[in-house]
Amino acid sequence: MPIDAILFDKDGTLFDFADTWGAFGRNMVLRLAQGDHGRAAQLGRAIGFDLEQVSYAKDSVVIAGTIDEIAEVLAPHLPNLPLSDLIDVLNVESASAPQAQAVPLVPFFNDLRQAGLKLGVATNDGEMPALRHLESVGIRDFFDFVAGYDSGHGFKPGPGQLLAFSAHVDVTPERVAMVGDSLHDLQAGRAAGMTTVAVLTGMAPAEVLAPWADVVLPDIGHIPDWLARI
């Protein structure tokens, strides 16, 4: 079945997860702890983040969770901070996180557009930070559709964002590829009836992703060759 549209996850897919979100984790816990390193380290442990190593545990809620889910984990440790204010802090820190491109993204997406493909982004990040991240590297205008967990379509591993993209670009799900670095991405793709493409620029290894993927690629830069083969 030919592929006429591609929907991309953002973190760990368009952007290398470790290089991008290490800075977010460090800055976020230090801000919430008002610069107290001991307190910041405690907050980091709650979300599976090592402040000293600037790294995440494989089961960290940050890897595939929404901002609301991260806030819910942190909230018991910050009883004097209203949940809505905590979510605002997380969104601000997320939006300002410098993005490390998995591959040079402007030429990559220019080539996909030239090939006539419809393109979208579905992320468990918020819509506002997602748009900021895409704009920050000059690729926002390549996408027909961008959805965050708060865009009204649900969030992964549910298929809502994916089916909304399919309807928006008028391409049936079986002619859409869902590209991501986590089980949430691939499970959503399977639930939506799409081809699933795993990439290894996130935290999950190939052996974890492979059972849910139609193909496993080192990074999104290998997608054009894969499309040519199918």
N, C-alpha and C. Protein backbone atom coordinates (compact mmCIF):
# COMPACT_ATOMS: atom_id res chain seq x y z
N MET A 1 0.85 -1.20 0.00
CA MET A 1 0.00 0.00 0.00
C MET A 1 0.89 1.26 0.00
N PRO A 2 0.72 2.13 -0.98
CA PRO A 2 1.56 3.34 -1.02
C PRO A 2 1.25 4.26 0.16
N ILE A 3 2.24 5.06 0.53
CA ILE A 3 2.11 6.02 1.62
C ILE A 3 1.93 7.41 1.01
N ASP A 4 0.82 8.07 1.37
CA ASP A 4 0.53 9.41 0.85
C ASP A 4 0.68 10.50 1.91
N ALA A 5 0.81 10.10 3.17
CA ALA A 5 0.91 11.08 4.25
C ALA A 5 1.74 10.48 5.39
N ILE A 6 2.47 11.34 6.09
CA ILE A 6 3.29 10.88 7.21
C ILE A 6 3.02 11.77 8.42
N LEU A 7 2.74 11.12 9.54
CA LEU A 7 2.53 11.82 10.80
C LEU A 7 3.71 11.51 11.72
N PHE A 8 4.33 12.55 12.24
CA PHE A 8 5.53 12.41 13.06
C PHE A 8 5.24 12.73 14.52
N ASP A 9 5.77 11.91 15.40
CA ASP A 9 5.94 12.33 16.78
C ASP A 9 6.99 13.45 16.78
N LYS A 10 7.10 14.18 17.88
CA LYS A 10 8.08 15.28 17.93
C LYS A 10 9.33 14.90 18.72
N ASP A 11 9.18 14.70 20.02
CA ASP A 11 10.34 14.49 20.89
C ASP A 11 10.89 13.07 20.75
N GLY A 12 12.16 12.97 20.41
CA GLY A 12 12.77 11.67 20.17
C GLY A 12 12.63 11.22 18.73
N THR A 13 11.95 12.00 17.93
CA THR A 13 11.71 11.65 16.53
C THR A 13 12.24 12.75 15.62
N LEU A 14 11.63 13.92 15.69
CA LEU A 14 12.18 15.07 14.96
C LEU A 14 13.42 15.60 15.69
N PHE A 15 13.39 15.50 17.00
CA PHE A 15 14.46 16.03 17.83
C PHE A 15 15.02 14.91 18.71
N ASP A 16 16.33 14.84 18.80
CA ASP A 16 16.98 13.84 19.64
C ASP A 16 16.55 14.05 21.10
N PHE A 17 16.03 13.00 21.71
CA PHE A 17 15.43 13.16 23.04
C PHE A 17 16.46 13.55 24.10
N ALA A 18 17.54 12.79 24.20
CA ALA A 18 18.51 13.01 25.28
C ALA A 18 19.11 14.41 25.21
N ASP A 19 19.51 14.83 23.99
CA ASP A 19 20.16 16.14 23.85
C ASP A 19 19.18 17.28 24.13
N THR A 20 17.92 17.10 23.76
CA THR A 20 16.94 18.18 23.92
C THR A 20 16.38 18.25 25.32
N TRP A 21 15.95 17.13 25.87
CA TRP A 21 15.16 17.16 27.10
C TRP A 21 15.98 17.07 28.37
N GLY A 22 17.29 16.80 28.24
CA GLY A 22 18.15 16.90 29.41
C GLY A 22 18.15 18.32 29.95
N ALA A 23 18.28 19.29 29.06
CA ALA A 23 18.29 20.69 29.48
C ALA A 23 16.94 21.08 30.08
N PHE A 24 15.86 20.62 29.50
CA PHE A 24 14.52 20.89 30.05
C PHE A 24 14.42 20.37 31.48
N GLY A 25 14.82 19.10 31.70
CA GLY A 25 14.71 18.51 33.03
C GLY A 25 15.51 19.28 34.05
N ARG A 26 16.76 19.61 33.70
CA ARG A 26 17.62 20.35 34.63
C ARG A 26 17.03 21.72 34.97
N ASN A 27 16.66 22.47 33.94
CA ASN A 27 16.15 23.82 34.16
C ASN A 27 14.82 23.81 34.92
N MET A 28 13.98 22.82 34.60
CA MET A 28 12.66 22.75 35.21
C MET A 28 12.74 22.44 36.71
N VAL A 29 13.53 21.42 37.08
CA VAL A 29 13.57 21.07 38.51
C VAL A 29 14.28 22.15 39.32
N LEU A 30 15.29 22.79 38.75
CA LEU A 30 15.97 23.87 39.46
C LEU A 30 15.06 25.07 39.64
N ARG A 31 14.24 25.35 38.63
CA ARG A 31 13.30 26.47 38.76
C ARG A 31 12.25 26.17 39.85
N LEU A 32 11.71 24.96 39.82
CA LEU A 32 10.69 24.59 40.80
C LEU A 32 11.26 24.55 42.21
N ALA A 33 12.56 24.20 42.32
CA ALA A 33 13.21 24.13 43.62
C ALA A 33 13.84 25.46 44.03
N GLN A 34 13.62 26.49 43.21
CA GLN A 34 14.16 27.82 43.47
C GLN A 34 15.67 27.78 43.69
N GLY A 35 16.33 26.95 42.88
CA GLY A 35 17.79 26.89 42.89
C GLY A 35 18.40 25.98 43.93
N ASP A 36 17.58 25.35 44.77
CA ASP A 36 18.08 24.44 45.80
C ASP A 36 18.39 23.09 45.14
N HIS A 37 19.69 22.76 45.01
CA HIS A 37 20.07 21.56 44.27
C HIS A 37 19.58 20.27 44.92
N GLY A 38 19.59 20.22 46.26
CA GLY A 38 19.10 19.03 46.93
C GLY A 38 17.62 18.81 46.66
N ARG A 39 16.85 19.89 46.74
CA ARG A 39 15.40 19.82 46.45
C ARG A 39 15.17 19.49 44.98
N ALA A 40 15.97 20.08 44.11
CA ALA A 40 15.83 19.82 42.67
C ALA A 40 16.11 18.35 42.36
N ALA A 41 17.12 17.79 43.02
CA ALA A 41 17.43 16.38 42.79
C ALA A 41 16.27 15.49 43.24
N GLN A 42 15.63 15.87 44.34
CA GLN A 42 14.47 15.11 44.84
C GLN A 42 13.33 15.17 43.83
N LEU A 43 13.05 16.35 43.30
CA LEU A 43 12.00 16.49 42.29
C LEU A 43 12.35 15.69 41.04
N GLY A 44 13.63 15.72 40.68
CA GLY A 44 14.07 14.95 39.52
C GLY A 44 13.81 13.46 39.71
N ARG A 45 14.12 12.95 40.88
CA ARG A 45 13.90 11.52 41.14
C ARG A 45 12.42 11.16 41.00
N ALA A 46 11.54 12.07 41.36
CA ALA A 46 10.10 11.79 41.28
C ALA A 46 9.65 11.54 39.84
N ILE A 47 10.33 12.16 38.88
CA ILE A 47 9.95 12.00 37.48
C ILE A 47 10.97 11.17 36.69
N GLY A 48 11.86 10.49 37.41
CA GLY A 48 12.83 9.63 36.74
C GLY A 48 13.93 10.40 36.04
N PHE A 49 14.36 11.52 36.63
CA PHE A 49 15.41 12.35 36.05
C PHE A 49 16.56 12.47 37.03
N ASP A 50 17.77 12.20 36.56
CA ASP A 50 18.98 12.30 37.38
C ASP A 50 19.62 13.66 37.12
N LEU A 51 19.56 14.54 38.11
CA LEU A 51 20.07 15.90 37.93
C LEU A 51 21.57 15.91 37.71
N GLU A 52 22.31 15.05 38.37
CA GLU A 52 23.76 15.05 38.22
C GLU A 52 24.19 14.53 36.86
N GLN A 53 23.53 13.48 36.40
CA GLN A 53 23.88 12.89 35.10
C GLN A 53 23.13 13.56 33.94
N VAL A 54 22.14 14.38 34.26
CA VAL A 54 21.27 15.02 33.27
C VAL A 54 20.72 13.95 32.31
N SER A 55 20.11 12.93 32.91
CA SER A 55 19.60 11.81 32.12
C SER A 55 18.32 11.27 32.72
N TYR A 56 17.56 10.55 31.90
CA TYR A 56 16.27 10.02 32.32
C TYR A 56 16.31 8.50 32.47
N ALA A 57 15.56 7.99 33.43
CA ALA A 57 15.34 6.55 33.53
C ALA A 57 14.44 6.13 32.36
N LYS A 58 14.56 4.87 31.98
CA LYS A 58 13.79 4.39 30.83
C LYS A 58 12.29 4.45 31.04
N ASP A 59 11.86 4.44 32.32
CA ASP A 59 10.43 4.49 32.61
C ASP A 59 9.99 5.89 33.07
N SER A 60 10.80 6.92 32.81
CA SER A 60 10.45 8.28 33.21
C SER A 60 9.15 8.73 32.56
N VAL A 61 8.29 9.38 33.34
CA VAL A 61 7.03 9.90 32.82
C VAL A 61 7.27 10.97 31.76
N VAL A 62 8.45 11.59 31.75
CA VAL A 62 8.74 12.65 30.79
C VAL A 62 8.86 12.10 29.36
N ILE A 63 9.27 10.85 29.24
CA ILE A 63 9.57 10.30 27.91
C ILE A 63 8.36 10.28 27.00
N ALA A 64 7.23 9.82 27.49
CA ALA A 64 6.05 9.74 26.63
C ALA A 64 4.81 10.37 27.26
N GLY A 65 4.95 10.91 28.47
CA GLY A 65 3.80 11.46 29.16
C GLY A 65 3.46 12.87 28.69
N THR A 66 2.26 13.31 29.04
CA THR A 66 1.83 14.68 28.76
C THR A 66 2.33 15.60 29.87
N ILE A 67 2.24 16.90 29.61
CA ILE A 67 2.59 17.88 30.64
C ILE A 67 1.70 17.69 31.87
N ASP A 68 0.42 17.41 31.66
CA ASP A 68 -0.50 17.18 32.78
C ASP A 68 -0.05 15.98 33.61
N GLU A 69 0.39 14.90 32.94
CA GLU A 69 0.83 13.71 33.66
C GLU A 69 2.11 13.98 34.46
N ILE A 70 3.03 14.74 33.88
CA ILE A 70 4.25 15.11 34.61
C ILE A 70 3.88 15.95 35.83
N ALA A 71 2.96 16.89 35.63
CA ALA A 71 2.54 17.76 36.73
C ALA A 71 1.90 16.95 37.86
N GLU A 72 1.10 15.95 37.50
CA GLU A 72 0.43 15.13 38.52
C GLU A 72 1.45 14.37 39.37
N VAL A 73 2.56 13.94 38.76
CA VAL A 73 3.60 13.25 39.52
C VAL A 73 4.34 14.22 40.45
N LEU A 74 4.57 15.44 39.97
CA LEU A 74 5.31 16.42 40.76
C LEU A 74 4.46 17.08 41.84
N ALA A 75 3.16 17.18 41.62
CA ALA A 75 2.29 17.96 42.51
C ALA A 75 2.40 17.58 43.98
N PRO A 76 2.44 16.29 44.35
CA PRO A 76 2.54 15.96 45.78
C PRO A 76 3.82 16.48 46.44
N HIS A 77 4.83 16.74 45.64
CA HIS A 77 6.10 17.24 46.17
C HIS A 77 6.14 18.77 46.22
N LEU A 78 5.08 19.40 45.69
CA LEU A 78 5.02 20.87 45.64
C LEU A 78 3.65 21.32 46.15
N PRO A 79 3.34 21.03 47.41
CA PRO A 79 1.98 21.27 47.92
C PRO A 79 1.55 22.73 47.94
N ASN A 80 2.50 23.64 47.90
CA ASN A 80 2.16 25.06 47.95
C ASN A 80 2.00 25.69 46.57
N LEU A 81 2.17 24.88 45.52
CA LEU A 81 2.06 25.39 44.16
C LEU A 81 0.79 24.82 43.51
N PRO A 82 -0.19 25.69 43.19
CA PRO A 82 -1.40 25.19 42.53
C PRO A 82 -1.08 24.42 41.26
N LEU A 83 -1.86 23.38 40.99
CA LEU A 83 -1.59 22.52 39.83
C LEU A 83 -1.57 23.33 38.54
N SER A 84 -2.47 24.30 38.40
CA SER A 84 -2.51 25.09 37.16
C SER A 84 -1.23 25.90 36.99
N ASP A 85 -0.68 26.41 38.10
CA ASP A 85 0.57 27.15 38.02
C ASP A 85 1.73 26.22 37.67
N LEU A 86 1.70 25.01 38.22
CA LEU A 86 2.74 24.03 37.91
C LEU A 86 2.72 23.68 36.43
N ILE A 87 1.54 23.49 35.88
CA ILE A 87 1.41 23.19 34.45
C ILE A 87 1.95 24.36 33.62
N ASP A 88 1.67 25.58 34.05
CA ASP A 88 2.17 26.76 33.33
C ASP A 88 3.70 26.79 33.33
N VAL A 89 4.31 26.46 34.48
CA VAL A 89 5.78 26.43 34.56
C VAL A 89 6.33 25.38 33.60
N LEU A 90 5.72 24.20 33.59
CA LEU A 90 6.20 23.12 32.71
C LEU A 90 6.06 23.51 31.25
N ASN A 91 4.95 24.15 30.89
CA ASN A 91 4.77 24.56 29.49
C ASN A 91 5.78 25.61 29.08
N VAL A 92 6.07 26.56 29.97
CA VAL A 92 7.05 27.61 29.65
C VAL A 92 8.44 26.99 29.48
N GLU A 93 8.82 26.10 30.40
CA GLU A 93 10.13 25.47 30.29
C GLU A 93 10.22 24.58 29.05
N SER A 94 9.13 23.88 28.74
CA SER A 94 9.11 23.04 27.54
C SER A 94 9.27 23.87 26.28
N ALA A 95 8.52 24.98 26.22
CA ALA A 95 8.56 25.82 25.02
C ALA A 95 9.94 26.41 24.76
N SER A 96 10.70 26.64 25.85
CA SER A 96 12.00 27.30 25.70
C SER A 96 13.16 26.31 25.59
N ALA A 97 12.87 25.01 25.65
CA ALA A 97 13.94 24.01 25.57
C ALA A 97 14.60 24.04 24.19
N PRO A 98 15.92 24.22 24.11
CA PRO A 98 16.60 24.22 22.80
C PRO A 98 16.46 22.84 22.15
N GLN A 99 16.13 22.85 20.86
CA GLN A 99 15.84 21.60 20.15
C GLN A 99 17.05 21.10 19.36
N ALA A 100 17.45 19.85 19.62
CA ALA A 100 18.56 19.22 18.90
C ALA A 100 17.98 18.38 17.76
N GLN A 101 18.18 18.82 16.53
CA GLN A 101 17.57 18.16 15.39
C GLN A 101 18.16 16.76 15.17
N ALA A 102 17.26 15.79 14.95
CA ALA A 102 17.72 14.42 14.71
C ALA A 102 18.48 14.31 13.40
N VAL A 103 18.05 15.07 12.41
CA VAL A 103 18.74 15.23 11.13
C VAL A 103 18.49 16.68 10.71
N PRO A 104 19.19 17.22 9.70
CA PRO A 104 18.88 18.58 9.24
C PRO A 104 17.43 18.61 8.71
N LEU A 105 16.55 19.29 9.43
CA LEU A 105 15.12 19.12 9.20
C LEU A 105 14.58 19.91 8.00
N VAL A 106 15.09 21.08 7.72
CA VAL A 106 14.54 21.86 6.61
C VAL A 106 14.71 21.13 5.28
N PRO A 107 15.91 20.68 4.91
CA PRO A 107 16.02 19.95 3.64
C PRO A 107 15.25 18.63 3.65
N PHE A 108 15.20 17.97 4.80
CA PHE A 108 14.46 16.70 4.90
C PHE A 108 12.99 16.91 4.58
N PHE A 109 12.37 17.89 5.21
CA PHE A 109 10.94 18.11 4.98
C PHE A 109 10.67 18.76 3.64
N ASN A 110 11.61 19.54 3.15
CA ASN A 110 11.44 20.10 1.81
C ASN A 110 11.37 18.97 0.78
N ASP A 111 12.21 17.96 0.94
CA ASP A 111 12.19 16.82 0.01
C ASP A 111 10.88 16.04 0.11
N LEU A 112 10.37 15.84 1.33
CA LEU A 112 9.10 15.12 1.47
C LEU A 112 7.96 15.91 0.86
N ARG A 113 7.97 17.21 1.02
CA ARG A 113 6.94 18.05 0.41
C ARG A 113 7.02 17.99 -1.12
N GLN A 114 8.26 18.04 -1.63
CA GLN A 114 8.44 17.96 -3.08
C GLN A 114 7.93 16.64 -3.64
N ALA A 115 7.96 15.60 -2.80
CA ALA A 115 7.45 14.29 -3.21
C ALA A 115 5.92 14.22 -3.13
N GLY A 116 5.28 15.28 -2.67
CA GLY A 116 3.82 15.34 -2.66
C GLY A 116 3.16 14.77 -1.42
N LEU A 117 3.93 14.51 -0.38
CA LEU A 117 3.37 13.92 0.84
C LEU A 117 2.70 14.96 1.73
N LYS A 118 1.59 14.57 2.34
CA LYS A 118 0.98 15.38 3.39
C LYS A 118 1.72 15.08 4.69
N LEU A 119 1.92 16.11 5.52
CA LEU A 119 2.76 15.96 6.71
C LEU A 119 2.07 16.50 7.95
N GLY A 120 2.30 15.83 9.09
CA GLY A 120 1.73 16.30 10.33
C GLY A 120 2.60 15.93 11.52
N VAL A 121 2.26 16.53 12.68
CA VAL A 121 2.93 16.23 13.94
C VAL A 121 1.86 15.92 14.98
N ALA A 122 2.06 14.83 15.71
CA ALA A 122 1.20 14.47 16.83
C ALA A 122 2.08 14.21 18.04
N THR A 123 1.95 15.03 19.07
CA THR A 123 2.84 14.96 20.22
C THR A 123 2.05 14.93 21.51
N ASN A 124 2.62 14.30 22.53
CA ASN A 124 2.03 14.37 23.87
C ASN A 124 2.51 15.60 24.62
N ASP A 125 3.32 16.43 23.99
CA ASP A 125 3.65 17.75 24.51
C ASP A 125 2.42 18.64 24.28
N GLY A 126 2.43 19.85 24.85
CA GLY A 126 1.35 20.79 24.59
C GLY A 126 1.45 21.36 23.18
N GLU A 127 0.31 21.83 22.65
CA GLU A 127 0.32 22.39 21.29
C GLU A 127 1.18 23.65 21.22
N MET A 128 1.09 24.52 22.21
CA MET A 128 1.87 25.76 22.19
C MET A 128 3.37 25.49 22.17
N PRO A 129 3.91 24.67 23.10
CA PRO A 129 5.35 24.36 22.99
C PRO A 129 5.71 23.68 21.68
N ALA A 130 4.84 22.80 21.19
CA ALA A 130 5.14 22.10 19.94
C ALA A 130 5.30 23.09 18.79
N LEU A 131 4.38 24.04 18.69
CA LEU A 131 4.48 25.03 17.61
C LEU A 131 5.74 25.88 17.77
N ARG A 132 6.08 26.22 19.01
CA ARG A 132 7.31 26.99 19.26
C ARG A 132 8.54 26.21 18.80
N HIS A 133 8.57 24.91 19.11
CA HIS A 133 9.72 24.09 18.74
C HIS A 133 9.86 23.99 17.22
N LEU A 134 8.74 23.79 16.53
CA LEU A 134 8.79 23.69 15.07
C LEU A 134 9.23 25.02 14.46
N GLU A 135 8.70 26.11 15.00
CA GLU A 135 9.07 27.44 14.48
C GLU A 135 10.54 27.74 14.75
N SER A 136 11.06 27.25 15.88
CA SER A 136 12.43 27.59 16.28
C SER A 136 13.47 27.03 15.31
N VAL A 137 13.11 25.98 14.57
CA VAL A 137 14.05 25.40 13.60
C VAL A 137 13.56 25.59 12.16
N GLY A 138 12.54 26.42 11.99
CA GLY A 138 12.11 26.82 10.65
C GLY A 138 11.33 25.79 9.87
N ILE A 139 10.58 24.91 10.57
CA ILE A 139 9.86 23.87 9.83
C ILE A 139 8.34 23.91 10.03
N ARG A 140 7.82 24.88 10.75
CA ARG A 140 6.38 24.91 11.02
C ARG A 140 5.54 24.86 9.75
N ASP A 141 5.94 25.58 8.73
CA ASP A 141 5.10 25.71 7.53
C ASP A 141 5.08 24.46 6.66
N PHE A 142 5.90 23.47 6.97
CA PHE A 142 5.86 22.23 6.19
C PHE A 142 4.66 21.35 6.58
N PHE A 143 4.03 21.63 7.71
CA PHE A 143 3.03 20.71 8.25
C PHE A 143 1.60 21.17 7.98
N ASP A 144 0.78 20.21 7.56
CA ASP A 144 -0.63 20.45 7.35
C ASP A 144 -1.42 20.41 8.66
N PHE A 145 -0.82 19.82 9.69
CA PHE A 145 -1.56 19.52 10.92
C PHE A 145 -0.56 19.40 12.05
N VAL A 146 -0.85 20.04 13.19
CA VAL A 146 -0.03 19.89 14.39
C VAL A 146 -0.98 19.74 15.58
N ALA A 147 -0.83 18.66 16.33
CA ALA A 147 -1.69 18.43 17.49
C ALA A 147 -0.87 18.09 18.72
N GLY A 148 -1.21 18.72 19.84
CA GLY A 148 -0.66 18.36 21.14
C GLY A 148 -1.69 17.60 21.95
N TYR A 149 -1.31 17.22 23.15
CA TYR A 149 -2.25 16.47 24.00
C TYR A 149 -3.47 17.32 24.36
N ASP A 150 -3.33 18.65 24.26
CA ASP A 150 -4.39 19.57 24.65
C ASP A 150 -5.12 20.18 23.46
N SER A 151 -5.01 19.55 22.29
CA SER A 151 -5.64 20.09 21.07
C SER A 151 -7.06 19.59 20.84
N GLY A 152 -7.53 18.71 21.72
CA GLY A 152 -8.91 18.24 21.61
C GLY A 152 -9.09 16.90 20.94
N HIS A 153 -7.98 16.21 20.63
CA HIS A 153 -8.08 14.90 19.95
C HIS A 153 -7.61 13.76 20.85
N GLY A 154 -7.40 14.04 22.15
CA GLY A 154 -6.82 13.03 23.03
C GLY A 154 -5.31 12.99 22.87
N PHE A 155 -4.70 11.91 23.36
CA PHE A 155 -3.24 11.81 23.27
C PHE A 155 -2.86 10.34 23.15
N LYS A 156 -1.65 10.10 22.67
CA LYS A 156 -1.15 8.75 22.45
C LYS A 156 -0.91 8.03 23.78
N PRO A 157 -1.22 6.74 23.89
CA PRO A 157 -1.38 5.77 22.80
C PRO A 157 -2.77 5.69 22.18
N GLY A 158 -3.68 6.57 22.57
CA GLY A 158 -4.97 6.61 21.88
C GLY A 158 -4.79 7.07 20.44
N PRO A 159 -5.69 6.68 19.53
CA PRO A 159 -5.53 7.01 18.11
C PRO A 159 -6.16 8.33 17.68
N GLY A 160 -6.71 9.10 18.63
CA GLY A 160 -7.48 10.29 18.25
C GLY A 160 -6.73 11.30 17.41
N GLN A 161 -5.51 11.64 17.82
CA GLN A 161 -4.72 12.61 17.05
C GLN A 161 -4.46 12.09 15.64
N LEU A 162 -4.20 10.80 15.54
CA LEU A 162 -3.84 10.20 14.26
C LEU A 162 -5.03 10.21 13.31
N LEU A 163 -6.18 9.85 13.83
CA LEU A 163 -7.38 9.83 12.99
C LEU A 163 -7.80 11.25 12.61
N ALA A 164 -7.55 12.21 13.49
CA ALA A 164 -7.84 13.61 13.15
C ALA A 164 -6.95 14.09 12.01
N PHE A 165 -5.69 13.69 12.04
CA PHE A 165 -4.77 14.02 10.93
C PHE A 165 -5.26 13.40 9.63
N SER A 166 -5.60 12.12 9.67
CA SER A 166 -6.08 11.42 8.48
C SER A 166 -7.28 12.14 7.87
N ALA A 167 -8.23 12.53 8.72
CA ALA A 167 -9.41 13.24 8.23
C ALA A 167 -9.05 14.62 7.70
N HIS A 168 -8.13 15.31 8.39
CA HIS A 168 -7.77 16.67 8.01
C HIS A 168 -7.13 16.72 6.62
N VAL A 169 -6.28 15.75 6.31
CA VAL A 169 -5.59 15.76 5.01
C VAL A 169 -6.30 14.89 3.98
N ASP A 170 -7.42 14.27 4.38
CA ASP A 170 -8.24 13.46 3.48
C ASP A 170 -7.44 12.31 2.87
N VAL A 171 -6.71 11.62 3.74
CA VAL A 171 -5.96 10.42 3.35
C VAL A 171 -6.39 9.29 4.29
N THR A 172 -6.80 8.16 3.74
CA THR A 172 -7.25 7.06 4.59
C THR A 172 -6.11 6.54 5.46
N PRO A 173 -6.41 6.05 6.67
CA PRO A 173 -5.34 5.65 7.60
C PRO A 173 -4.38 4.62 7.02
N GLU A 174 -4.86 3.70 6.19
CA GLU A 174 -3.95 2.69 5.66
C GLU A 174 -2.92 3.25 4.68
N ARG A 175 -3.09 4.51 4.29
CA ARG A 175 -2.11 5.16 3.42
C ARG A 175 -1.30 6.22 4.17
N VAL A 176 -1.34 6.14 5.52
CA VAL A 176 -0.60 7.05 6.38
C VAL A 176 0.44 6.26 7.17
N ALA A 177 1.63 6.81 7.32
CA ALA A 177 2.67 6.23 8.19
C ALA A 177 2.77 7.07 9.45
N MET A 178 2.75 6.38 10.61
CA MET A 178 2.99 7.03 11.90
C MET A 178 4.43 6.75 12.29
N VAL A 179 5.21 7.81 12.51
CA VAL A 179 6.63 7.69 12.82
C VAL A 179 6.89 8.14 14.24
N GLY A 180 7.52 7.27 15.05
CA GLY A 180 7.80 7.66 16.43
C GLY A 180 8.88 6.82 17.07
N ASP A 181 9.26 7.25 18.28
CA ASP A 181 10.37 6.61 18.99
C ASP A 181 9.92 5.85 20.22
N SER A 182 8.61 5.83 20.50
CA SER A 182 8.13 5.18 21.73
C SER A 182 7.00 4.21 21.44
N LEU A 183 6.74 3.33 22.39
CA LEU A 183 5.62 2.42 22.25
C LEU A 183 4.30 3.16 22.13
N HIS A 184 4.17 4.29 22.81
CA HIS A 184 2.94 5.08 22.69
C HIS A 184 2.66 5.45 21.23
N ASP A 185 3.71 5.86 20.52
CA ASP A 185 3.55 6.25 19.11
C ASP A 185 3.10 5.07 18.27
N LEU A 186 3.77 3.94 18.45
CA LEU A 186 3.50 2.77 17.61
C LEU A 186 2.17 2.13 17.97
N GLN A 187 1.83 2.11 19.24
CA GLN A 187 0.54 1.57 19.65
C GLN A 187 -0.60 2.43 19.11
N ALA A 188 -0.41 3.74 19.11
CA ALA A 188 -1.41 4.63 18.52
C ALA A 188 -1.54 4.38 17.02
N GLY A 189 -0.39 4.19 16.37
CA GLY A 189 -0.42 3.91 14.93
C GLY A 189 -1.16 2.64 14.60
N ARG A 190 -0.90 1.58 15.36
CA ARG A 190 -1.60 0.32 15.14
C ARG A 190 -3.11 0.48 15.38
N ALA A 191 -3.46 1.20 16.46
CA ALA A 191 -4.87 1.40 16.78
C ALA A 191 -5.60 2.18 15.69
N ALA A 192 -4.87 3.06 15.01
CA ALA A 192 -5.46 3.87 13.95
C ALA A 192 -5.46 3.16 12.59
N GLY A 193 -4.80 2.00 12.50
CA GLY A 193 -4.74 1.28 11.24
C GLY A 193 -3.71 1.82 10.28
N MET A 194 -2.66 2.43 10.81
CA MET A 194 -1.61 3.03 9.99
C MET A 194 -0.37 2.15 9.96
N THR A 195 0.49 2.38 8.97
CA THR A 195 1.82 1.78 8.96
C THR A 195 2.63 2.41 10.07
N THR A 196 3.39 1.60 10.81
CA THR A 196 4.15 2.14 11.94
C THR A 196 5.65 2.08 11.66
N VAL A 197 6.31 3.21 11.87
CA VAL A 197 7.74 3.36 11.63
C VAL A 197 8.41 3.76 12.93
N ALA A 198 9.31 2.94 13.43
CA ALA A 198 10.05 3.24 14.65
C ALA A 198 11.40 3.85 14.31
N VAL A 199 11.81 4.85 15.10
CA VAL A 199 13.14 5.43 14.97
C VAL A 199 13.85 5.34 16.32
N LEU A 200 15.18 5.35 16.27
CA LEU A 200 15.99 5.06 17.46
C LEU A 200 16.66 6.31 18.03
N THR A 201 16.03 7.47 17.87
CA THR A 201 16.57 8.73 18.39
C THR A 201 15.90 9.12 19.70
N GLY A 202 15.14 8.18 20.28
CA GLY A 202 14.55 8.39 21.60
C GLY A 202 15.25 7.53 22.63
N MET A 203 14.48 7.07 23.60
CA MET A 203 15.06 6.30 24.70
C MET A 203 14.84 4.80 24.58
N ALA A 204 13.94 4.37 23.71
CA ALA A 204 13.60 2.95 23.61
C ALA A 204 14.51 2.24 22.61
N PRO A 205 15.00 1.05 22.96
CA PRO A 205 15.85 0.29 22.03
C PRO A 205 15.03 -0.44 20.98
N ALA A 206 15.72 -0.87 19.93
CA ALA A 206 15.05 -1.51 18.79
C ALA A 206 14.24 -2.72 19.21
N GLU A 207 14.78 -3.53 20.14
CA GLU A 207 14.09 -4.77 20.50
C GLU A 207 12.76 -4.50 21.21
N VAL A 208 12.61 -3.36 21.85
CA VAL A 208 11.34 -2.99 22.49
C VAL A 208 10.33 -2.51 21.45
N LEU A 209 10.82 -1.77 20.47
CA LEU A 209 9.93 -1.17 19.47
C LEU A 209 9.54 -2.14 18.36
N ALA A 210 10.42 -3.04 18.01
CA ALA A 210 10.23 -3.88 16.82
C ALA A 210 8.90 -4.63 16.78
N PRO A 211 8.40 -5.20 17.89
CA PRO A 211 7.13 -5.93 17.81
C PRO A 211 5.94 -5.07 17.39
N TRP A 212 6.05 -3.78 17.56
CA TRP A 212 4.95 -2.87 17.21
C TRP A 212 5.20 -2.10 15.92
N ALA A 213 6.34 -2.33 15.29
CA ALA A 213 6.75 -1.53 14.13
C ALA A 213 6.75 -2.36 12.85
N ASP A 214 6.32 -1.74 11.76
CA ASP A 214 6.46 -2.37 10.45
C ASP A 214 7.89 -2.25 9.95
N VAL A 215 8.60 -1.23 10.41
CA VAL A 215 10.01 -1.07 10.08
C VAL A 215 10.67 -0.28 11.20
N VAL A 216 11.93 -0.61 11.52
CA VAL A 216 12.72 0.13 12.50
C VAL A 216 13.88 0.79 11.76
N LEU A 217 14.01 2.11 11.90
CA LEU A 217 15.05 2.87 11.21
C LEU A 217 15.92 3.59 12.24
N PRO A 218 17.18 3.85 11.90
CA PRO A 218 18.06 4.57 12.85
C PRO A 218 17.54 5.97 13.17
N ASP A 219 17.03 6.67 12.17
CA ASP A 219 16.48 8.01 12.37
C ASP A 219 15.59 8.34 11.18
N ILE A 220 14.91 9.49 11.23
CA ILE A 220 13.97 9.83 10.17
C ILE A 220 14.64 10.06 8.83
N GLY A 221 15.94 10.33 8.84
CA GLY A 221 16.66 10.55 7.58
C GLY A 221 16.62 9.35 6.66
N HIS A 222 16.30 8.16 7.19
CA HIS A 222 16.23 6.95 6.38
C HIS A 222 14.86 6.74 5.75
N ILE A 223 13.90 7.62 6.04
CA ILE A 223 12.54 7.44 5.53
C ILE A 223 12.47 7.51 4.00
N PRO A 224 13.12 8.46 3.32
CA PRO A 224 13.01 8.48 1.85
C PRO A 224 13.45 7.17 1.20
N ASP A 225 14.54 6.58 1.66
CA ASP A 225 14.97 5.29 1.10
C ASP A 225 13.95 4.20 1.38
N TRP A 226 13.38 4.21 2.58
CA TRP A 226 12.36 3.23 2.91
C TRP A 226 11.13 3.40 2.01
N LEU A 227 10.71 4.63 1.78
CA LEU A 227 9.57 4.88 0.89
C LEU A 227 9.85 4.38 -0.52
N ALA A 228 11.09 4.58 -0.97
CA ALA A 228 11.45 4.13 -2.31
C ALA A 228 11.38 2.61 -2.42
N ARG A 229 11.72 1.91 -1.33
CA ARG A 229 11.70 0.44 -1.35
C ARG A 229 10.29 -0.13 -1.35
N ILE A 230 9.35 0.57 -0.73
CA ILE A 230 7.98 0.05 -0.65
C ILE A 230 7.13 0.49 -1.83
